[in-house]
């Protein structure tokens, strides 16, 4: 539990434009630097991200990532399958999404590991932030819940209940491991079939990563302004949030992330004398 991320180059909070939804690893020729007071930040972590910039990555130190690593994995690993009948991702037309004329269309993708005891609460906070605060339409969010075995059933049921209540598109993967390369391809097919193209933005984030646009803006409005400037990638500041004691504690559903983790800092840069800030917004 707690709010923290990793610095392994995997995706985390900062959005990127798709260069064709069928291509992973595509480069971006233009990018906008967004940091500090005028840019986007991510609580607890922010990196170059998006479906086009991630390879298989290991679980984060907080256990918030649902994706397994292929590094050193045995060839006999059991991949698993999606539960139930195949689903079709059908976001509403733009005019029915509640977006302003100048807003960008943004899709948020996340995985949730049912084996992580903190996952149900983190999922609640993730949706509260991105849907209620950052104003990404719930219909533009996709979540894959990873269930390893029957021991995860209670957590799966809790998260599926939350996702249904929120009307968020979701699927449950049953199996020993869920590789990011596999789910990325699966997401690409969903997005392509839904008509998502190079004009749209994709955010791939772990459950403990909250994208925070500049003050007074939503994620769609901020990325709409980035569109107007002609950029196709955003760099953000990676912000770690910790409790007043400096610890990473579990955040209850009833507690906002700001209350649970009031200190904003840069844990990953502690060797360089990083400081700790005061109470901040977001989450």
Protein backbone atom coordinates (compact mmCIF):
# COMPACT_ATOMS: atom_id res chain seq x y z
CA UNK A 1 0.00 0.00 0.00
CA UNK A 2 0.92 3.61 0.18
CA UNK A 3 1.74 6.05 -2.56
CA UNK A 4 4.98 5.39 -4.31
CA UNK A 5 6.26 4.35 -7.69
CA UNK A 6 9.36 3.09 -9.39
CA UNK A 7 11.95 4.60 -11.67
CA UNK A 8 12.42 1.73 -14.09
CA UNK A 9 11.31 3.56 -17.19
CA UNK A 10 7.89 1.93 -17.27
CA UNK A 11 4.81 4.02 -17.83
CA UNK A 12 3.40 6.01 -15.08
CA UNK A 13 1.33 8.90 -15.24
CA UNK A 14 2.42 11.10 -18.06
CA UNK A 15 0.38 10.76 -21.23
CA UNK A 16 1.60 10.14 -24.73
CA UNK A 17 0.04 10.19 -28.16
CA UNK A 18 -0.41 6.93 -30.03
CA UNK A 19 1.56 6.72 -33.26
CA UNK A 20 -0.88 4.23 -34.71
CA UNK A 21 -2.62 2.02 -32.22
CA UNK A 22 -1.04 -1.14 -33.60
CA UNK A 23 2.56 -0.09 -32.94
CA UNK A 24 4.49 -0.42 -29.68
CA UNK A 25 7.79 1.35 -29.22
CA UNK A 26 7.10 4.09 -31.76
CA UNK A 27 9.06 7.27 -31.25
CA UNK A 28 7.70 10.78 -30.88
CA UNK A 29 9.38 13.57 -32.80
CA UNK A 30 7.97 16.39 -30.72
CA UNK A 31 7.44 16.71 -27.01
CA UNK A 32 6.42 19.35 -24.52
CA UNK A 33 8.32 19.70 -21.28
CA UNK A 34 5.82 20.01 -18.47
CA UNK A 35 7.05 20.34 -14.92
CA UNK A 36 6.90 22.58 -11.91
CA UNK A 37 4.02 25.00 -11.58
CA UNK A 38 3.25 25.10 -15.28
CA UNK A 39 3.28 21.42 -16.09
CA UNK A 40 1.75 18.08 -15.34
CA UNK A 41 2.77 16.07 -12.31
CA UNK A 42 2.04 12.57 -11.15
CA UNK A 43 1.45 11.51 -7.56
CA UNK A 44 3.20 9.26 -6.58
CA UNK A 45 5.29 8.90 -9.70
CA UNK A 46 5.53 10.40 -13.14
CA UNK A 47 7.51 9.22 -16.13
CA UNK A 48 7.46 9.19 -19.88
CA UNK A 49 4.65 6.85 -20.51
CA UNK A 50 2.01 5.61 -22.75
CA UNK A 51 1.31 2.48 -24.66
CA UNK A 52 4.05 3.24 -27.15
CA UNK A 53 6.92 3.47 -24.67
CA UNK A 54 6.69 0.44 -22.38
CA UNK A 55 8.22 -3.01 -22.52
CA UNK A 56 7.38 -5.75 -20.00
CA UNK A 57 8.12 -4.26 -16.59
CA UNK A 58 8.23 -5.77 -13.15
CA UNK A 59 5.85 -5.02 -10.34
CA UNK A 60 6.37 -1.74 -8.52
CA UNK A 61 7.76 -1.70 -5.02
CA UNK A 62 4.33 -0.94 -3.65
CA UNK A 63 2.73 -3.89 -5.43
CA UNK A 64 0.36 -1.64 -7.35
CA UNK A 65 1.31 -2.97 -10.76
CA UNK A 66 -0.68 -5.94 -12.03
CA UNK A 67 1.86 -6.87 -14.67
CA UNK A 68 4.51 -9.57 -14.37
CA UNK A 69 8.01 -9.37 -15.75
CA UNK A 70 9.36 -11.55 -18.54
CA UNK A 71 12.90 -11.11 -17.27
CA UNK A 72 14.10 -14.49 -16.01
CA UNK A 73 10.62 -16.00 -16.25
CA UNK A 74 10.48 -19.75 -16.93
CA UNK A 75 9.25 -20.76 -20.36
CA UNK A 76 6.60 -22.95 -18.71
CA UNK A 77 4.88 -19.99 -17.03
CA UNK A 78 1.10 -20.27 -17.16
CA UNK A 79 -0.30 -17.28 -19.00
CA UNK A 80 -4.01 -17.68 -18.20
CA UNK A 81 -7.09 -16.28 -19.90
CA UNK A 82 -9.77 -13.61 -19.64
CA UNK A 83 -12.83 -14.58 -17.62
CA UNK A 84 -16.21 -14.88 -19.31
CA UNK A 85 -17.26 -13.92 -22.82
CA UNK A 86 -15.16 -11.47 -24.86
CA UNK A 87 -16.07 -7.83 -24.27
CA UNK A 88 -16.15 -4.93 -26.72
CA UNK A 89 -14.91 -1.50 -25.67
CA UNK A 90 -17.44 1.06 -26.91
CA UNK A 91 -16.78 4.59 -25.65
CA UNK A 92 -19.50 7.10 -26.58
CA UNK A 93 -19.09 9.56 -29.42
CA UNK A 94 -17.21 12.71 -28.49
CA UNK A 95 -20.35 14.86 -28.30
CA UNK A 96 -21.79 12.46 -25.72
CA UNK A 97 -18.63 12.29 -23.57
CA UNK A 98 -19.15 15.57 -21.73
CA UNK A 99 -15.95 17.07 -23.15
CA UNK A 100 -15.56 20.72 -24.08
CA UNK A 101 -14.83 21.62 -27.69
CA UNK A 102 -11.15 22.31 -26.96
CA UNK A 103 -10.60 19.25 -24.73
CA UNK A 104 -8.47 16.37 -25.95
CA UNK A 105 -9.91 12.88 -25.94
CA UNK A 106 -7.95 10.93 -23.31
CA UNK A 107 -8.02 7.22 -22.46
CA UNK A 108 -6.68 5.92 -19.14
CA UNK A 109 -5.50 2.28 -18.93
CA UNK A 110 -4.56 0.45 -15.73
CA UNK A 111 -4.02 -3.00 -14.28
CA UNK A 112 -5.06 -4.08 -10.78
CA UNK A 113 -3.48 -7.05 -8.99
CA UNK A 114 -6.05 -8.78 -6.78
CA UNK A 115 -3.22 -10.39 -4.81
CA UNK A 116 -2.23 -6.95 -3.48
CA UNK A 117 -4.24 -6.28 -0.29
CA UNK A 118 -4.11 -2.54 -0.99
CA UNK A 119 -5.49 -2.83 -4.53
CA UNK A 120 -9.24 -2.36 -3.81
CA UNK A 121 -8.63 0.89 -1.92
CA UNK A 122 -6.04 2.09 -4.44
CA UNK A 123 -8.51 1.44 -7.26
CA UNK A 124 -11.12 3.61 -5.51
CA UNK A 125 -8.60 6.44 -5.15
CA UNK A 126 -7.37 5.99 -8.73
CA UNK A 127 -10.89 6.36 -10.14
CA UNK A 128 -11.79 9.21 -7.79
CA UNK A 129 -8.75 11.15 -8.95
CA UNK A 130 -8.82 10.50 -12.68
CA UNK A 131 -12.60 10.57 -13.17
CA UNK A 132 -13.86 12.98 -10.49
CA UNK A 133 -10.87 15.33 -10.17
CA UNK A 134 -8.96 15.09 -13.46
CA UNK A 135 -12.26 14.78 -15.40
CA UNK A 136 -11.39 11.88 -17.69
CA UNK A 137 -14.79 10.36 -18.58
CA UNK A 138 -15.38 7.02 -16.87
CA UNK A 139 -16.28 5.65 -20.30
CA UNK A 140 -12.68 6.35 -21.38
CA UNK A 141 -11.09 4.21 -18.67
CA UNK A 142 -10.09 0.55 -19.09
CA UNK A 143 -8.97 -1.68 -16.22
CA UNK A 144 -7.70 -5.26 -16.25
CA UNK A 145 -7.99 -7.06 -12.90
CA UNK A 146 -5.48 -9.88 -12.44
CA UNK A 147 -6.63 -12.88 -10.38
CA UNK A 148 -4.05 -15.60 -9.78
CA UNK A 149 -6.32 -18.17 -8.14
CA UNK A 150 -9.42 -18.63 -5.96
CA UNK A 151 -7.66 -16.94 -3.02
CA UNK A 152 -8.07 -13.65 -4.90
CA UNK A 153 -11.84 -13.99 -5.38
CA UNK A 154 -12.86 -11.60 -2.58
CA UNK A 155 -10.58 -8.84 -3.86
CA UNK A 156 -11.71 -9.44 -7.43
CA UNK A 157 -15.36 -9.20 -6.40
CA UNK A 158 -14.70 -5.95 -4.51
CA UNK A 159 -12.90 -4.33 -7.45
CA UNK A 160 -15.40 -5.55 -10.04
CA UNK A 161 -18.18 -4.09 -7.87
CA UNK A 162 -16.37 -0.73 -7.82
CA UNK A 163 -15.80 -0.78 -11.58
CA UNK A 164 -19.42 -1.66 -12.30
CA UNK A 165 -20.65 1.09 -9.98
CA UNK A 166 -18.36 3.52 -11.77
CA UNK A 167 -19.39 2.17 -15.19
CA UNK A 168 -15.77 1.59 -16.12
CA UNK A 169 -14.88 -0.95 -18.79
CA UNK A 170 -13.09 -3.85 -17.13
CA UNK A 171 -11.96 -7.42 -17.68
CA UNK A 172 -10.67 -10.09 -15.29
CA UNK A 173 -7.57 -12.06 -16.22
CA UNK A 174 -7.22 -15.45 -14.52
CA UNK A 175 -3.78 -17.02 -14.43
CA UNK A 176 -0.40 -17.22 -12.79
CA UNK A 177 1.01 -14.21 -14.63
CA UNK A 178 -0.18 -11.27 -16.71
CA UNK A 179 2.51 -9.95 -19.05
CA UNK A 180 2.33 -6.31 -20.06
CA UNK A 181 3.16 -7.15 -23.66
CA UNK A 182 0.06 -9.35 -23.83
CA UNK A 183 -2.33 -6.88 -22.24
CA UNK A 184 -0.87 -4.00 -24.28
CA UNK A 185 -1.70 -5.87 -27.48
CA UNK A 186 -5.16 -6.60 -26.09
CA UNK A 187 -5.70 -2.91 -25.27
CA UNK A 188 -4.46 -1.89 -28.72
CA UNK A 189 -7.12 -4.06 -30.34
CA UNK A 190 -9.82 -2.55 -28.11
CA UNK A 191 -8.67 0.99 -28.92
CA UNK A 192 -8.38 0.36 -32.65
CA UNK A 193 -11.85 -1.20 -32.79
CA UNK A 194 -13.22 1.79 -30.87
CA UNK A 195 -11.88 4.23 -33.45
CA UNK A 196 -9.07 5.64 -31.32
CA UNK A 197 -6.42 7.22 -33.54
CA UNK A 198 -3.37 9.48 -33.56
CA UNK A 199 -5.48 12.47 -32.51
CA UNK A 200 -6.20 10.85 -29.12
CA UNK A 201 -4.09 10.60 -25.97
CA UNK A 202 -3.30 7.50 -23.91
CA UNK A 203 -2.32 7.37 -20.22
CA UNK A 204 -1.03 4.06 -18.85
CA UNK A 205 -0.64 4.20 -15.07
CA UNK A 206 -0.32 1.98 -12.01
CA UNK A 207 -3.00 2.32 -9.34
CA UNK A 208 -0.75 4.42 -7.10
CA UNK A 209 0.00 6.93 -9.87
CA UNK A 210 -2.21 10.02 -10.19
CA UNK A 211 -1.79 12.40 -13.12
CA UNK A 212 -2.15 16.00 -11.94
CA UNK A 213 -2.45 18.69 -14.64
CA UNK A 214 -1.52 22.34 -13.97
CA UNK A 215 -3.71 24.14 -11.46
CA UNK A 216 -7.13 25.05 -12.77
CA UNK A 217 -7.05 22.56 -15.64
CA UNK A 218 -8.33 19.05 -16.21
CA UNK A 219 -6.34 16.35 -17.95
CA UNK A 220 -8.45 16.69 -21.15
CA UNK A 221 -8.20 20.51 -21.14
CA UNK A 222 -4.45 20.47 -20.50
CA UNK A 223 -3.80 17.98 -23.29
CA UNK A 224 -6.11 19.99 -25.52
CA UNK A 225 -3.79 22.96 -25.02
CA UNK A 226 -0.80 20.71 -25.76
CA UNK A 227 -2.53 19.75 -29.01
CA UNK A 228 -2.86 23.42 -29.92
CA UNK A 229 0.91 23.84 -29.43
CA UNK A 230 1.56 20.95 -31.79
CA UNK A 231 3.22 18.58 -29.33
CA UNK A 232 2.67 14.82 -29.12
CA UNK A 233 4.35 13.93 -25.82
CA UNK A 234 4.36 15.39 -22.32
CA UNK A 235 7.12 15.10 -19.74
CA UNK A 236 5.99 15.52 -16.14
CA UNK A 237 7.56 15.82 -12.72
CA UNK A 238 7.70 12.61 -10.67
CA UNK A 239 6.38 13.41 -7.19
CA UNK A 240 6.49 10.91 -4.32
CA UNK A 241 3.92 11.40 -1.56
CA UNK A 242 4.45 10.08 1.95
CA UNK A 243 2.72 10.33 5.33
CA UNK A 244 3.74 13.02 7.81
CA UNK A 245 5.96 10.42 9.50
CA UNK A 246 7.77 9.83 6.21
CA UNK A 247 6.28 6.33 5.97
CA UNK A 248 4.21 4.64 3.30
CA UNK A 249 0.97 3.67 4.97
CA UNK A 250 -2.24 2.17 3.64
CA UNK A 251 -4.81 4.76 2.62
CA UNK A 252 -8.36 3.86 3.58
CA UNK A 253 -11.10 4.49 1.03
CA UNK A 254 -12.62 7.14 3.31
CA UNK A 255 -9.33 9.07 3.46
CA UNK A 256 -8.19 11.26 0.59
CA UNK A 257 -4.69 10.71 -0.74
CA UNK A 258 -3.85 14.30 0.21
CA UNK A 259 -4.75 13.58 3.84
CA UNK A 260 -3.01 10.20 3.93
CA UNK A 261 0.16 11.45 2.21
CA UNK A 262 0.49 15.20 2.82
CA UNK A 263 4.23 15.44 2.11
CA UNK A 264 5.38 15.81 -1.49
CA UNK A 265 8.99 14.84 -2.10
CA UNK A 266 11.42 13.13 -4.44
CA UNK A 267 12.41 9.86 -2.80
CA UNK A 268 14.24 8.65 -5.89
CA UNK A 269 16.63 11.61 -5.70
CA UNK A 270 17.46 11.37 -2.00
CA UNK A 271 21.11 10.69 -2.81
CA UNK A 272 21.26 14.14 -4.33
CA UNK A 273 19.82 15.92 -1.34
CA UNK A 274 16.19 16.04 -2.45
CA UNK A 275 13.91 18.06 -0.24
CA UNK A 276 10.47 17.44 1.16
CA UNK A 277 7.65 19.83 0.44
CA UNK A 278 4.63 20.75 2.47
CA UNK A 279 0.98 19.92 2.04
CA UNK A 280 -0.04 19.79 -1.60
CA UNK A 281 -3.16 19.25 -3.64
CA UNK A 282 -4.20 16.36 -5.82
CA UNK A 283 -5.69 12.97 -5.10
